[in-house]
Amino acid sequence: MQSETSQRKPALFGRNAAESAPFAARAEGIRIWDEAGNEYLDASSGAISVISVGHGVEEVVEAMAAQARAFAYVLGGRLRHHPAEDLAQALAAMAPGDLNRVIFVSGGSEANETAFKLARNYHVVRGKPEKYIVLSRRRSYHGATLATLSLSGYEERRGPYGPLLLWEPQVAECNCYRCPFGLSYPQCQLRCANDLQRAIDEYGAEKIAAFIAEPIVGAAGAATTPPDGYFQTIREICERNDILFIADEIITGLGRTGRNFGIEHWGVVPDVITTAKGLSGGYVPLGAVIVSDKVADAFDAAGKPFVHGFTYMAHPVTTAAALAVLNVVQREQLIENARVQGERLFSRLAVLADSEPLVGEVRGKGLLAGLELVTDPWTKQPHAKSLGVTQRLIAAAQARGLMLYPCQSGEGHGDQVIVSPPLTVTAEEIDAIVERLTLALADVRADLDA
């Protein structure tokens, strides 16, 4: 029986207040049940990578409750607390190279916004106030605030806000499946990476503060993954021009790709890492900015603070929750599980792609897989946007008891979805996900052919 609440017009306003969506009732592991008793495999981990240790982990809930009972909030700068200090130490130990200092915020958009301000302030304290521009790639998504949206190449989300936005992405995307230059790897000689130097030359290196990029593109490109040499070239260009390299690991951080951080697949150490989503496992809103000693030391040497702050920075309950999440990740060896089960996921998806004509490409790493849907896998011809193929697949999958994440299709690109189950996923659950996805794709193909 539907609850009285489910029959009322919702007071919630915005894109997530759809009246037709069922009400969630409970969740455990990678499964969610609605009020009607329907089961769904959460194969997107919520909004890509959020549900890291699974739903309903009592250890995390107890850590939150214990901290709330002790104290829920204290004013930062007046009192320190152990959850934030301990979590910062744990993140610094996981991060590559000299990324040893951590700032806690309330989510991914705040983390990237903080990183932009940090980059600007870093150059100011070094006596280079002319450096203020942040560069980004044309197919990217870095957040919903005005500054982060300004650097996001995601037209569907930028659209209504054009007059308010500060910048536009200026650097070519890295997409070997649909190269923006019409070239092929490795004969291309990484022209997409070297396009960063072109943009720097256009504006002047003396004006550029930072460059931000996702190691593997999320919502704007369904796990688009660069080839070897791409990020090595990006790192070298940033070093040569005295520009900070910010790795946006909101999605790819904390084990999602089978490594602590996604950028580690290319052996590159950025100056700043931003992360969120899986950090707190979906139990509370939390993001982090992990800062290199090089950057932090510049403030110490100048004797000046980083001029920035939010009310809920390093909140005791959220940091206690995240510390419990990381304890589960490490104790249960979930990063290794992401690598192992990721291999199984990609193996199964490769078989699916060989037999399903809707699938043009499967890409990604670990438990972050993207599918690009096309009319013909040989020509890579995308479907007409008016057909709404992505949304058809999302609906068909949910009807089959499978939650996927839709991505921007964009002009000249195919429809795209992401598969990114929780890090706890088992081999049997991987098989169930791919089986339900196979049925959903057949449903969409039959619908299109009708």
Protein backbone atom coordinates (compact mmCIF):
# COMPACT_ATOMS: atom_id res chain seq x y z
CA MET A 1 0.00 0.00 0.00
CA GLN A 2 1.29 3.45 -0.89
CA SER A 3 1.93 5.77 2.00
CA GLU A 4 -0.12 8.94 2.37
CA THR A 5 3.10 10.88 1.65
CA SER A 6 3.56 9.17 -1.71
CA GLN A 7 0.10 10.33 -2.88
CA ARG A 8 0.71 14.02 -2.23
CA LYS A 9 2.21 16.48 -4.70
CA PRO A 10 5.83 16.82 -3.55
CA ALA A 11 6.98 20.05 -1.96
CA LEU A 12 10.54 19.34 -3.08
CA PHE A 13 11.46 21.49 -6.06
CA GLY A 14 14.05 20.74 -8.71
CA ARG A 15 15.15 18.02 -11.09
CA ASN A 16 15.04 15.28 -8.46
CA ALA A 17 11.44 15.88 -7.40
CA ALA A 18 9.88 13.84 -10.18
CA GLU A 19 6.33 12.88 -9.15
CA SER A 20 6.52 9.56 -10.98
CA ALA A 21 9.58 8.22 -9.16
CA PRO A 22 8.94 5.51 -6.58
CA PHE A 23 9.78 6.07 -2.92
CA ALA A 24 12.81 4.24 -1.53
CA ALA A 25 12.06 2.08 1.50
CA ARG A 26 15.34 0.43 2.48
CA ALA A 27 18.76 -0.51 1.13
CA GLU A 28 21.47 -3.03 1.89
CA GLY A 29 24.74 -3.77 0.12
CA ILE A 30 24.24 -2.93 -3.56
CA ARG A 31 20.44 -3.34 -3.40
CA ILE A 32 17.62 -0.84 -2.90
CA TRP A 33 13.95 -1.65 -2.37
CA ASP A 34 11.07 0.75 -3.01
CA GLU A 35 7.83 0.96 -1.04
CA ALA A 36 6.15 -1.47 -3.43
CA GLY A 37 8.82 -4.08 -2.68
CA ASN A 38 10.63 -3.82 -6.02
CA GLU A 39 14.37 -4.58 -5.85
CA TYR A 40 17.01 -2.60 -7.75
CA LEU A 41 20.71 -3.30 -8.16
CA ASP A 42 22.42 0.05 -7.53
CA ALA A 43 24.83 -0.26 -10.45
CA SER A 44 25.65 3.47 -10.43
CA SER A 45 26.45 3.79 -6.70
CA GLY A 46 23.93 6.62 -6.61
CA ALA A 47 25.26 9.64 -8.48
CA ILE A 48 28.31 7.76 -9.82
CA SER A 49 30.68 6.38 -7.17
CA VAL A 50 28.88 7.70 -4.10
CA ILE A 51 28.01 4.36 -2.50
CA SER A 52 31.49 2.98 -1.90
CA VAL A 53 31.10 0.54 1.00
CA GLY A 54 27.48 -0.32 0.26
CA HIS A 55 24.18 0.62 1.78
CA GLY A 56 23.30 -0.09 5.40
CA VAL A 57 26.76 -0.51 6.95
CA GLU A 58 26.06 -0.41 10.68
CA GLU A 59 29.66 0.45 11.56
CA VAL A 60 29.37 3.78 9.73
CA VAL A 61 25.98 4.57 11.24
CA GLU A 62 27.31 3.85 14.74
CA ALA A 63 30.35 6.09 14.19
CA MET A 64 28.05 8.96 13.20
CA ALA A 65 25.78 8.41 16.20
CA ALA A 66 28.66 8.16 18.65
CA GLN A 67 30.18 11.40 17.39
CA ALA A 68 26.82 13.21 17.48
CA ARG A 69 26.31 12.09 21.06
CA ALA A 70 29.76 13.41 22.05
CA PHE A 71 29.44 16.69 20.13
CA ALA A 72 28.00 17.38 16.69
CA TYR A 73 29.68 20.69 15.89
CA VAL A 74 32.44 22.98 17.10
CA LEU A 75 33.74 26.21 15.64
CA GLY A 76 36.79 25.54 13.52
CA GLY A 77 39.81 27.59 14.53
CA ARG A 78 38.67 27.61 18.15
CA LEU A 79 38.68 23.88 18.88
CA ARG A 80 40.25 20.96 17.05
CA HIS A 81 38.72 17.49 16.96
CA HIS A 82 40.08 14.01 16.33
CA PRO A 83 37.75 12.83 13.53
CA ALA A 84 39.00 15.53 11.16
CA GLU A 85 42.65 15.21 12.22
CA ASP A 86 42.59 11.42 11.90
CA LEU A 87 40.77 11.48 8.56
CA ALA A 88 43.27 14.00 7.19
CA GLN A 89 46.13 11.71 8.20
CA ALA A 90 44.43 8.74 6.55
CA LEU A 91 43.88 10.62 3.28
CA ALA A 92 47.43 11.96 3.22
CA ALA A 93 48.70 8.39 3.64
CA MET A 94 46.61 7.28 0.64
CA ALA A 95 47.51 10.18 -1.65
CA PRO A 96 50.50 10.02 -4.00
CA GLY A 97 53.72 11.99 -3.69
CA ASP A 98 53.79 15.00 -1.38
CA LEU A 99 50.03 15.55 -1.13
CA ASN A 100 50.00 15.71 2.65
CA ARG A 101 47.65 18.53 3.64
CA VAL A 102 43.83 18.28 3.59
CA ILE A 103 40.91 20.72 3.58
CA PHE A 104 37.43 19.30 4.28
CA VAL A 105 34.29 20.75 2.67
CA SER A 106 30.73 19.56 2.05
CA GLY A 107 30.95 18.01 -1.42
CA GLY A 108 32.52 17.92 -4.84
CA SER A 109 31.46 21.33 -6.09
CA GLU A 110 32.78 22.96 -2.92
CA ALA A 111 36.01 20.99 -3.25
CA ASN A 112 36.67 22.25 -6.77
CA GLU A 113 35.60 25.78 -5.89
CA THR A 114 38.07 25.64 -3.00
CA ALA A 115 40.82 24.38 -5.31
CA PHE A 116 40.30 27.29 -7.71
CA LYS A 117 40.56 29.81 -4.88
CA LEU A 118 43.56 27.97 -3.48
CA ALA A 119 45.36 28.16 -6.84
CA ARG A 120 44.71 31.88 -7.10
CA ASN A 121 45.75 32.55 -3.48
CA TYR A 122 48.88 30.42 -3.92
CA HIS A 123 50.15 32.62 -6.73
CA VAL A 124 49.24 35.80 -4.82
CA VAL A 125 51.30 34.81 -1.76
CA ARG A 126 54.20 34.01 -4.11
CA GLY A 127 54.10 37.53 -5.51
CA LYS A 128 52.41 36.64 -8.82
CA PRO A 129 48.97 38.29 -8.52
CA GLU A 130 48.58 38.42 -12.31
CA LYS A 131 47.95 34.65 -12.34
CA TYR A 132 44.22 34.04 -12.01
CA ILE A 133 42.86 32.08 -15.01
CA VAL A 134 41.95 28.41 -14.59
CA LEU A 135 41.88 26.27 -17.73
CA SER A 136 39.75 23.18 -18.29
CA ARG A 137 38.71 20.80 -21.05
CA ARG A 138 35.74 21.15 -23.36
CA ARG A 139 34.07 17.90 -22.30
CA SER A 140 34.16 17.93 -18.53
CA TYR A 141 32.05 18.43 -15.43
CA HIS A 142 33.47 20.02 -12.30
CA GLY A 143 30.40 21.08 -10.33
CA ALA A 144 27.22 23.10 -10.00
CA THR A 145 28.46 26.36 -8.47
CA LEU A 146 28.99 29.26 -10.86
CA ALA A 147 32.78 28.93 -10.86
CA THR A 148 32.82 25.14 -11.23
CA LEU A 149 30.09 25.23 -13.87
CA SER A 150 32.06 27.90 -15.72
CA LEU A 151 34.88 25.39 -16.16
CA SER A 152 32.57 22.53 -17.10
CA GLY A 153 32.10 21.54 -20.73
CA TYR A 154 28.56 20.31 -20.17
CA GLU A 155 26.18 22.35 -22.28
CA GLU A 156 22.98 20.85 -20.91
CA ARG A 157 23.88 22.08 -17.43
CA ARG A 158 25.51 25.34 -18.50
CA GLY A 159 22.64 26.38 -20.77
CA PRO A 160 20.35 28.53 -18.58
CA TYR A 161 23.24 30.24 -16.79
CA GLY A 162 25.39 31.54 -19.64
CA PRO A 163 25.34 35.25 -18.66
CA LEU A 164 26.41 34.38 -15.10
CA LEU A 165 29.35 32.15 -15.95
CA LEU A 166 32.93 33.39 -15.61
CA TRP A 167 34.72 31.34 -18.27
CA GLU A 168 34.38 28.66 -20.88
CA PRO A 169 36.56 25.53 -21.16
CA GLN A 170 39.41 26.26 -23.55
CA VAL A 171 41.34 22.99 -23.94
CA ALA A 172 40.49 20.12 -26.28
CA GLU A 173 39.04 16.99 -24.73
CA CYS A 174 40.92 13.69 -24.79
CA ASN A 175 38.67 11.15 -26.52
CA CYS A 176 40.33 8.55 -28.72
CA TYR A 177 36.95 7.15 -29.79
CA ARG A 178 35.91 10.54 -31.17
CA CYS A 179 39.15 12.50 -31.48
CA PRO A 180 38.41 16.24 -31.73
CA PHE A 181 41.21 16.50 -34.31
CA GLY A 182 40.17 13.47 -36.37
CA LEU A 183 43.45 11.69 -35.57
CA SER A 184 44.40 8.24 -34.24
CA TYR A 185 46.61 7.27 -31.30
CA PRO A 186 49.62 7.06 -31.21
CA GLN A 187 50.19 8.76 -34.57
CA CYS A 188 48.39 11.80 -33.15
CA GLN A 189 51.43 12.48 -30.92
CA LEU A 190 49.01 13.44 -28.15
CA ARG A 191 47.77 16.56 -29.86
CA CYS A 192 44.92 16.79 -27.32
CA ALA A 193 47.43 17.02 -24.44
CA ASN A 194 49.57 19.54 -26.29
CA ASP A 195 46.46 21.65 -26.87
CA LEU A 196 46.95 22.78 -23.27
CA GLN A 197 50.13 24.56 -24.36
CA ARG A 198 48.20 26.16 -27.23
CA ALA A 199 45.66 27.59 -24.76
CA ILE A 200 48.42 28.77 -22.41
CA ASP A 201 50.16 30.57 -25.26
CA GLU A 202 46.88 32.20 -26.26
CA TYR A 203 46.26 33.71 -22.82
CA GLY A 204 49.87 34.01 -21.68
CA ALA A 205 51.46 31.73 -19.10
CA GLU A 206 51.86 34.72 -16.79
CA LYS A 207 48.04 34.83 -16.42
CA ILE A 208 47.31 31.12 -15.90
CA ALA A 209 46.93 29.88 -12.33
CA ALA A 210 45.85 26.26 -12.83
CA PHE A 211 44.57 23.53 -15.11
CA ILE A 212 41.90 21.09 -13.91
CA ALA A 213 41.03 17.71 -15.40
CA GLU A 214 39.26 14.50 -14.41
CA PRO A 215 41.62 11.50 -14.75
CA ILE A 216 38.66 9.63 -16.22
CA VAL A 217 35.74 11.79 -17.33
CA GLY A 218 32.49 11.24 -15.43
CA ALA A 219 29.09 12.72 -16.21
CA ALA A 220 30.24 14.66 -19.28
CA GLY A 221 31.85 11.70 -21.02
CA ALA A 222 30.86 8.33 -19.50
CA ALA A 223 34.29 7.13 -18.33
CA THR A 224 36.26 8.52 -21.28
CA THR A 225 39.81 7.36 -20.54
CA PRO A 226 43.08 8.87 -21.85
CA PRO A 227 45.89 6.83 -23.38
CA ASP A 228 49.31 6.44 -21.83
CA GLY A 229 51.39 9.59 -22.15
CA TYR A 230 48.46 11.99 -21.95
CA PHE A 231 48.72 12.98 -18.30
CA GLN A 232 52.50 12.72 -18.33
CA THR A 233 52.46 15.42 -21.03
CA ILE A 234 49.92 17.52 -19.10
CA ARG A 235 52.10 17.36 -15.97
CA GLU A 236 55.19 18.46 -17.89
CA ILE A 237 53.36 21.39 -19.51
CA CYS A 238 52.05 22.59 -16.15
CA GLU A 239 55.51 22.39 -14.58
CA ARG A 240 57.10 24.27 -17.48
CA ASN A 241 54.60 27.13 -17.23
CA ASP A 242 54.37 27.41 -13.40
CA ILE A 243 50.74 26.28 -13.44
CA LEU A 244 49.12 24.10 -10.77
CA PHE A 245 47.65 20.81 -11.98
CA ILE A 246 44.39 19.98 -10.19
CA ALA A 247 43.19 16.38 -10.53
CA ASP A 248 39.41 16.28 -10.14
CA GLU A 249 38.97 12.92 -8.41
CA ILE A 250 35.43 13.56 -7.17
CA ILE A 251 34.41 10.36 -8.98
CA THR A 252 37.70 8.50 -9.49
CA GLY A 253 39.13 8.85 -5.98
CA LEU A 254 39.17 6.43 -3.06
CA GLY A 255 39.42 3.16 -4.95
CA ARG A 256 36.84 3.54 -7.69
CA THR A 257 39.28 2.66 -10.49
CA GLY A 258 41.17 -0.05 -8.59
CA ARG A 259 43.81 2.41 -7.33
CA ASN A 260 43.70 4.82 -4.39
CA PHE A 261 43.31 7.66 -6.91
CA GLY A 262 42.67 7.48 -10.63
CA ILE A 263 45.63 9.63 -11.61
CA GLU A 264 47.95 6.93 -10.27
CA HIS A 265 47.26 4.80 -13.35
CA TRP A 266 49.54 7.21 -15.22
CA GLY A 267 52.23 7.61 -12.55
CA VAL A 268 51.57 11.34 -12.27
CA VAL A 269 51.48 13.40 -9.06
CA PRO A 270 49.28 16.51 -9.31
CA ASP A 271 49.64 19.60 -7.14
CA VAL A 272 46.08 19.30 -5.80
CA ILE A 273 43.55 16.46 -5.68
CA THR A 274 39.86 17.10 -5.09
CA THR A 275 37.65 14.23 -4.00
CA ALA A 276 34.18 13.58 -2.55
CA LYS A 277 31.35 11.10 -3.31
CA GLY A 278 32.80 7.76 -2.18
CA LEU A 279 34.82 9.45 0.57
CA SER A 280 31.83 9.32 2.91
CA GLY A 281 30.03 6.48 1.15
CA GLY A 282 26.82 8.44 0.73
CA TYR A 283 26.14 8.51 4.47
CA VAL A 284 26.84 12.25 4.79
CA PRO A 285 27.84 15.10 2.44
CA LEU A 286 31.63 15.47 2.44
CA GLY A 287 34.41 16.54 0.10
CA ALA A 288 38.14 17.07 0.45
CA VAL A 289 40.96 19.03 -1.15
CA ILE A 290 44.32 17.29 -0.78
CA VAL A 291 47.14 19.77 -1.13
CA SER A 292 50.80 19.20 -1.92
CA ASP A 293 53.54 20.34 0.41
CA LYS A 294 54.76 22.62 -2.40
CA VAL A 295 51.49 24.55 -2.32
CA ALA A 296 51.00 24.56 1.45
CA ASP A 297 54.62 25.55 2.09
CA ALA A 298 54.19 28.68 -0.01
CA PHE A 299 51.60 29.96 2.46
CA ASP A 300 53.80 29.02 5.41
CA ALA A 301 56.82 30.76 3.86
CA ALA A 302 54.79 33.92 3.26
CA GLY A 303 53.32 33.80 6.77
CA LYS A 304 49.84 34.19 5.28
CA PRO A 305 46.70 32.05 5.62
CA PHE A 306 44.59 30.59 2.85
CA VAL A 307 41.72 33.09 2.86
CA HIS A 308 38.72 30.78 2.59
CA GLY A 309 36.15 28.97 4.72
CA PHE A 310 32.72 27.37 4.99
CA THR A 311 30.53 26.94 8.09
CA TYR A 312 30.56 23.15 7.87
CA MET A 313 34.22 22.61 6.99
CA ALA A 314 35.64 19.52 8.75
CA HIS A 315 32.31 18.80 10.43
CA PRO A 316 32.81 16.30 13.28
CA VAL A 317 29.98 13.94 12.31
CA THR A 318 30.82 13.88 8.60
CA THR A 319 34.52 13.29 9.19
CA ALA A 320 33.73 10.56 11.73
CA ALA A 321 31.52 8.87 9.13
CA ALA A 322 34.20 9.09 6.44
CA LEU A 323 36.84 7.72 8.80
CA ALA A 324 34.59 4.70 9.39
CA VAL A 325 34.09 4.34 5.63
CA LEU A 326 37.86 4.34 5.01
CA ASN A 327 38.32 1.79 7.78
CA VAL A 328 35.87 -0.52 5.98
CA VAL A 329 37.57 0.11 2.62
CA GLN A 330 40.98 -0.82 3.99
CA ARG A 331 39.94 -3.70 6.25
CA GLU A 332 37.84 -5.36 3.55
CA GLN A 333 40.45 -4.63 0.85
CA LEU A 334 37.81 -2.99 -1.30
CA ILE A 335 40.27 -1.20 -3.58
CA GLU A 336 41.70 -4.56 -4.57
CA ASN A 337 38.14 -5.85 -4.97
CA ALA A 338 37.43 -2.95 -7.31
CA ARG A 339 40.39 -3.99 -9.43
CA VAL A 340 39.45 -7.69 -9.50
CA GLN A 341 35.73 -7.24 -10.02
CA GLY A 342 36.44 -4.43 -12.46
CA GLU A 343 38.31 -6.91 -14.64
CA ARG A 344 35.27 -9.19 -14.54
CA LEU A 345 32.93 -6.29 -15.32
CA PHE A 346 34.93 -5.22 -18.39
CA SER A 347 35.27 -8.80 -19.57
CA ARG A 348 31.50 -9.28 -19.41
CA LEU A 349 30.82 -5.90 -21.03
CA ALA A 350 33.22 -6.72 -23.88
CA VAL A 351 31.21 -9.87 -24.63
CA LEU A 352 28.02 -7.83 -24.50
CA ALA A 353 29.43 -5.20 -26.88
CA ASP A 354 30.36 -7.91 -29.41
CA SER A 355 26.75 -9.05 -29.65
CA GLU A 356 24.77 -5.84 -29.01
CA PRO A 357 24.71 -3.46 -32.01
CA LEU A 358 23.65 -0.51 -29.85
CA VAL A 359 27.01 -0.49 -28.01
CA GLY A 360 29.75 1.43 -29.80
CA GLU A 361 32.40 1.53 -27.09
CA VAL A 362 33.02 0.25 -23.58
CA ARG A 363 35.64 2.25 -21.62
CA GLY A 364 36.92 3.09 -18.17
CA LYS A 365 38.89 1.39 -15.40
CA GLY A 366 38.07 -0.61 -12.30
CA LEU A 367 34.46 -0.23 -11.27
CA LEU A 368 33.90 2.81 -13.47
CA ALA A 369 32.62 1.70 -16.87
CA GLY A 370 31.05 3.81 -19.60
CA LEU A 371 29.01 2.65 -22.59
CA GLU A 372 28.50 4.79 -25.68
CA LEU A 373 25.38 3.89 -27.66
CA VAL A 374 25.29 4.32 -31.44
CA THR A 375 23.19 3.36 -34.45
CA ASP A 376 26.09 1.42 -35.96
CA PRO A 377 29.28 0.35 -34.11
CA TRP A 378 31.30 0.44 -37.36
CA THR A 379 30.43 4.00 -38.38
CA LYS A 380 30.00 5.26 -34.77
CA GLN A 381 26.92 7.14 -35.99
CA PRO A 382 25.06 8.55 -32.96
CA HIS A 383 21.31 8.37 -32.56
CA ALA A 384 19.28 11.51 -33.12
CA LYS A 385 19.06 13.36 -29.82
CA SER A 386 15.27 13.58 -30.22
CA LEU A 387 15.04 9.78 -29.77
CA GLY A 388 16.21 10.09 -26.17
CA VAL A 389 18.07 6.76 -26.27
CA THR A 390 19.90 7.38 -22.99
CA GLN A 391 16.69 8.01 -21.09
CA ARG A 392 15.04 5.03 -22.76
CA LEU A 393 17.85 2.81 -21.48
CA ILE A 394 17.71 4.30 -17.99
CA ALA A 395 13.95 3.60 -17.85
CA ALA A 396 14.27 0.13 -19.37
CA ALA A 397 17.04 -0.77 -16.91
CA GLN A 398 15.05 0.43 -13.92
CA ALA A 399 12.08 -1.64 -15.11
CA ARG A 400 14.49 -4.61 -15.10
CA GLY A 401 15.64 -3.76 -11.56
CA LEU A 402 18.88 -2.00 -12.49
CA MET A 403 20.02 1.54 -11.68
CA LEU A 404 22.37 3.16 -14.23
CA TYR A 405 23.63 6.75 -14.54
CA PRO A 406 22.85 8.85 -17.65
CA CYS A 407 25.55 11.04 -19.20
CA GLN A 408 25.60 13.99 -21.58
CA SER A 409 25.34 12.92 -25.20
CA GLY A 410 26.17 16.22 -26.90
CA GLU A 411 26.41 17.17 -30.54
CA GLY A 412 28.19 14.49 -32.58
CA HIS A 413 28.50 12.09 -29.65
CA GLY A 414 26.51 8.98 -28.93
CA ASP A 415 24.17 8.46 -26.00
CA GLN A 416 26.07 7.35 -22.90
CA VAL A 417 25.54 5.60 -19.57
CA ILE A 418 27.79 4.72 -16.66
CA VAL A 419 27.98 1.44 -14.73
CA SER A 420 29.74 1.91 -11.38
CA PRO A 421 28.53 -0.46 -8.64
CA PRO A 422 29.70 -0.17 -5.01
CA LEU A 423 33.23 -1.33 -4.23
CA THR A 424 31.73 -4.26 -2.29
CA VAL A 425 30.24 -5.84 -5.42
CA THR A 426 30.73 -9.61 -5.84
CA ALA A 427 31.36 -11.67 -8.97
CA GLU A 428 27.78 -12.94 -8.82
CA GLU A 429 26.46 -9.40 -8.58
CA ILE A 430 28.61 -8.30 -11.55
CA ASP A 431 27.03 -11.10 -13.57
CA ALA A 432 23.53 -10.06 -12.47
CA ILE A 433 24.21 -6.43 -13.42
CA VAL A 434 25.38 -7.36 -16.92
CA GLU A 435 22.49 -9.78 -17.40
CA ARG A 436 19.93 -7.11 -16.53
CA LEU A 437 21.77 -4.56 -18.68
CA THR A 438 21.70 -6.99 -21.62
CA LEU A 439 17.93 -7.37 -21.28
CA ALA A 440 17.43 -3.61 -20.97
CA LEU A 441 19.47 -2.94 -24.12
CA ALA A 442 17.38 -5.53 -26.01
CA ASP A 443 14.24 -3.77 -24.75
CA VAL A 444 15.49 -0.41 -26.08
CA ARG A 445 16.52 -1.89 -29.42
CA ALA A 446 13.09 -3.50 -29.84
CA ASP A 447 11.45 -0.19 -28.93
CA LEU A 448 13.52 1.70 -31.50
CA ASP A 449 12.79 -0.89 -34.18
CA ALA A 450 9.04 -0.84 -33.53
